[in-house]
Amino acid sequence: MENQNVTLRLLKLIRELTNKAAALEGIGIKLMLTDEMIEEVTTAMFEINEVNPAAAGPLHLSLVDYTSGAIEAHDFLSLLSGAAVMSG
């Protein structure tokens, strides 16, 4: 359960960073640092959940769906736990 709480917090952080990056890009500012932070947080989230970040291609697409609001956190967590089982 603790991993799930940490994962939820990381998901929220990824969504907030993504939204802030989009807002900055909307006014003509592109920060590579923001992209790097999102990538680091995403990698940490996968590692915490025992998913190999290098093999998490489909999860990256689902993460884009989550950050855009197309899917909810519980949907992403379900996909993430399935990926952990497959890689474990």
C-alpha atoms as a PDB file:
ATOM      1  CA  MET A   1       0.000   0.000   0.000  1.00  0.00           C
ATOM      2  CA  GLU A   2       2.899   2.351   0.697  1.00  0.00           C
ATOM      3  CA  ASN A   3       4.175   1.951  -2.880  1.00  0.00           C
ATOM      4  CA  GLN A   4       0.719   2.839  -4.141  1.00  0.00           C
ATOM      5  CA  ASN A   5       0.657   6.035  -2.068  1.00  0.00           C
ATOM      6  CA  VAL A   6       4.106   7.013  -3.317  1.00  0.00           C
ATOM      7  CA  THR A   7       3.075   6.194  -6.885  1.00  0.00           C
ATOM      8  CA  LEU A   8      -0.048   8.338  -6.573  1.00  0.00           C
ATOM      9  CA  ARG A   9       2.052  11.252  -5.333  1.00  0.00           C
ATOM     10  CA  LEU A  10       4.516  10.784  -8.193  1.00  0.00           C
ATOM     11  CA  LEU A  11       1.652  10.630 -10.706  1.00  0.00           C
ATOM     12  CA  LYS A  12       0.287  13.889  -9.335  1.00  0.00           C
ATOM     13  CA  LEU A  13       3.745  15.468  -9.597  1.00  0.00           C
ATOM     14  CA  ILE A  14       4.152  14.254 -13.191  1.00  0.00           C
ATOM     15  CA  ARG A  15       0.744  15.689 -14.119  1.00  0.00           C
ATOM     16  CA  GLU A  16       1.547  19.037 -12.454  1.00  0.00           C
ATOM     17  CA  LEU A  17       4.969  19.278 -14.131  1.00  0.00           C
ATOM     18  CA  THR A  18       3.458  18.389 -17.496  1.00  0.00           C
ATOM     19  CA  ASN A  19       0.733  21.003 -17.112  1.00  0.00           C
ATOM     20  CA  LYS A  20       3.231  23.673 -16.054  1.00  0.00           C
ATOM     21  CA  ALA A  21       5.495  22.812 -18.987  1.00  0.00           C
ATOM     22  CA  ALA A  22       2.530  23.110 -21.373  1.00  0.00           C
ATOM     23  CA  ALA A  23       1.566  26.464 -19.879  1.00  0.00           C
ATOM     24  CA  LEU A  24       5.122  27.761 -20.306  1.00  0.00           C
ATOM     25  CA  GLU A  25       5.259  26.481 -23.874  1.00  0.00           C
ATOM     26  CA  GLY A  26       1.987  28.304 -24.502  1.00  0.00           C
ATOM     27  CA  ILE A  27       3.783  31.591 -23.908  1.00  0.00           C
ATOM     28  CA  GLY A  28       6.859  30.585 -25.871  1.00  0.00           C
ATOM     29  CA  ILE A  29       9.092  29.199 -23.129  1.00  0.00           C
ATOM     30  CA  LYS A  30      10.538  25.700 -23.497  1.00  0.00           C
ATOM     31  CA  LEU A  31      12.538  24.410 -20.551  1.00  0.00           C
ATOM     32  CA  MET A  32      14.580  21.252 -21.039  1.00  0.00           C
ATOM     33  CA  LEU A  33      14.896  21.076 -17.265  1.00  0.00           C
ATOM     34  CA  THR A  34      11.161  20.422 -16.957  1.00  0.00           C
ATOM     35  CA  ASP A  35      11.359  17.562 -19.458  1.00  0.00           C
ATOM     36  CA  GLU A  36      14.325  16.101 -17.586  1.00  0.00           C
ATOM     37  CA  MET A  37      12.480  16.350 -14.257  1.00  0.00           C
ATOM     38  CA  ILE A  38       9.428  14.601 -15.700  1.00  0.00           C
ATOM     39  CA  GLU A  39      11.644  11.833 -17.089  1.00  0.00           C
ATOM     40  CA  GLU A  40      13.445  11.387 -13.742  1.00  0.00           C
ATOM     41  CA  VAL A  41      10.186  11.221 -11.769  1.00  0.00           C
ATOM     42  CA  THR A  42       8.717   8.797 -14.313  1.00  0.00           C
ATOM     43  CA  THR A  43      11.774   6.548 -14.110  1.00  0.00           C
ATOM     44  CA  ALA A  44      11.619   6.576 -10.307  1.00  0.00           C
ATOM     45  CA  MET A  45       7.916   5.681 -10.395  1.00  0.00           C
ATOM     46  CA  PHE A  46       8.583   2.710 -12.684  1.00  0.00           C
ATOM     47  CA  GLU A  47      11.531   1.526 -10.585  1.00  0.00           C
ATOM     48  CA  ILE A  48       9.538   1.761  -7.341  1.00  0.00           C
ATOM     49  CA  ASN A  49       6.912  -0.443  -8.961  1.00  0.00           C
ATOM     50  CA  GLU A  50       9.533  -2.906 -10.272  1.00  0.00           C
ATOM     51  CA  VAL A  51       8.953  -2.047 -13.929  1.00  0.00           C
ATOM     52  CA  ASN A  52      12.003  -1.758 -16.152  1.00  0.00           C
ATOM     53  CA  PRO A  53      11.854   1.838 -17.470  1.00  0.00           C
ATOM     54  CA  ALA A  54      13.552   0.790 -20.721  1.00  0.00           C
ATOM     55  CA  ALA A  55      10.771  -1.725 -21.400  1.00  0.00           C
ATOM     56  CA  ALA A  56       7.900   0.533 -20.366  1.00  0.00           C
ATOM     57  CA  GLY A  57       7.003   1.897 -23.815  1.00  0.00           C
ATOM     58  CA  PRO A  58       3.248   1.222 -23.630  1.00  0.00           C
ATOM     59  CA  LEU A  59       3.155   2.619 -20.100  1.00  0.00           C
ATOM     60  CA  HIS A  60       4.648   5.876 -21.344  1.00  0.00           C
ATOM     61  CA  LEU A  61       1.696   6.164 -23.741  1.00  0.00           C
ATOM     62  CA  SER A  62      -0.708   5.452 -20.888  1.00  0.00           C
ATOM     63  CA  LEU A  63       1.077   8.068 -18.795  1.00  0.00           C
ATOM     64  CA  VAL A  64       0.441  10.611 -21.555  1.00  0.00           C
ATOM     65  CA  ASP A  65      -3.234   9.584 -21.400  1.00  0.00           C
ATOM     66  CA  TYR A  66      -3.189  10.104 -17.630  1.00  0.00           C
ATOM     67  CA  THR A  67      -1.517  13.514 -17.791  1.00  0.00           C
ATOM     68  CA  SER A  68      -4.022  14.652 -20.424  1.00  0.00           C
ATOM     69  CA  GLY A  69      -6.930  13.513 -18.269  1.00  0.00           C
ATOM     70  CA  ALA A  70      -8.017  10.781 -20.695  1.00  0.00           C
ATOM     71  CA  ILE A  71      -7.648   8.118 -17.989  1.00  0.00           C
ATOM     72  CA  GLU A  72      -7.806   8.310 -14.209  1.00  0.00           C
ATOM     73  CA  ALA A  73      -5.059   7.450 -11.727  1.00  0.00           C
ATOM     74  CA  HIS A  74      -6.677   4.133 -10.781  1.00  0.00           C
ATOM     75  CA  ASP A  75      -6.695   3.106 -14.461  1.00  0.00           C
ATOM     76  CA  PHE A  76      -3.000   3.900 -14.789  1.00  0.00           C
ATOM     77  CA  LEU A  77      -2.219   2.072 -11.523  1.00  0.00           C
ATOM     78  CA  SER A  78      -3.988  -0.983 -12.866  1.00  0.00           C
ATOM     79  CA  LEU A  79      -1.885  -0.910 -16.042  1.00  0.00           C
ATOM     80  CA  LEU A  80       1.241  -0.320 -13.984  1.00  0.00           C
ATOM     81  CA  SER A  81       0.583  -3.276 -11.698  1.00  0.00           C
ATOM     82  CA  GLY A  82      -0.037  -5.472 -14.740  1.00  0.00           C
ATOM     83  CA  ALA A  83       3.293  -4.398 -16.221  1.00  0.00           C
ATOM     84  CA  ALA A  84       5.039  -5.149 -12.919  1.00  0.00           C
ATOM     85  CA  VAL A  85       3.619  -8.663 -12.931  1.00  0.00           C
ATOM     86  CA  MET A  86       4.712  -9.183 -16.543  1.00  0.00           C
ATOM     87  CA  SER A  87       8.276  -7.999 -15.889  1.00  0.00           C
ATOM     88  CA  GLY A  88       8.571  -9.833 -12.575  1.00  0.00           C
END
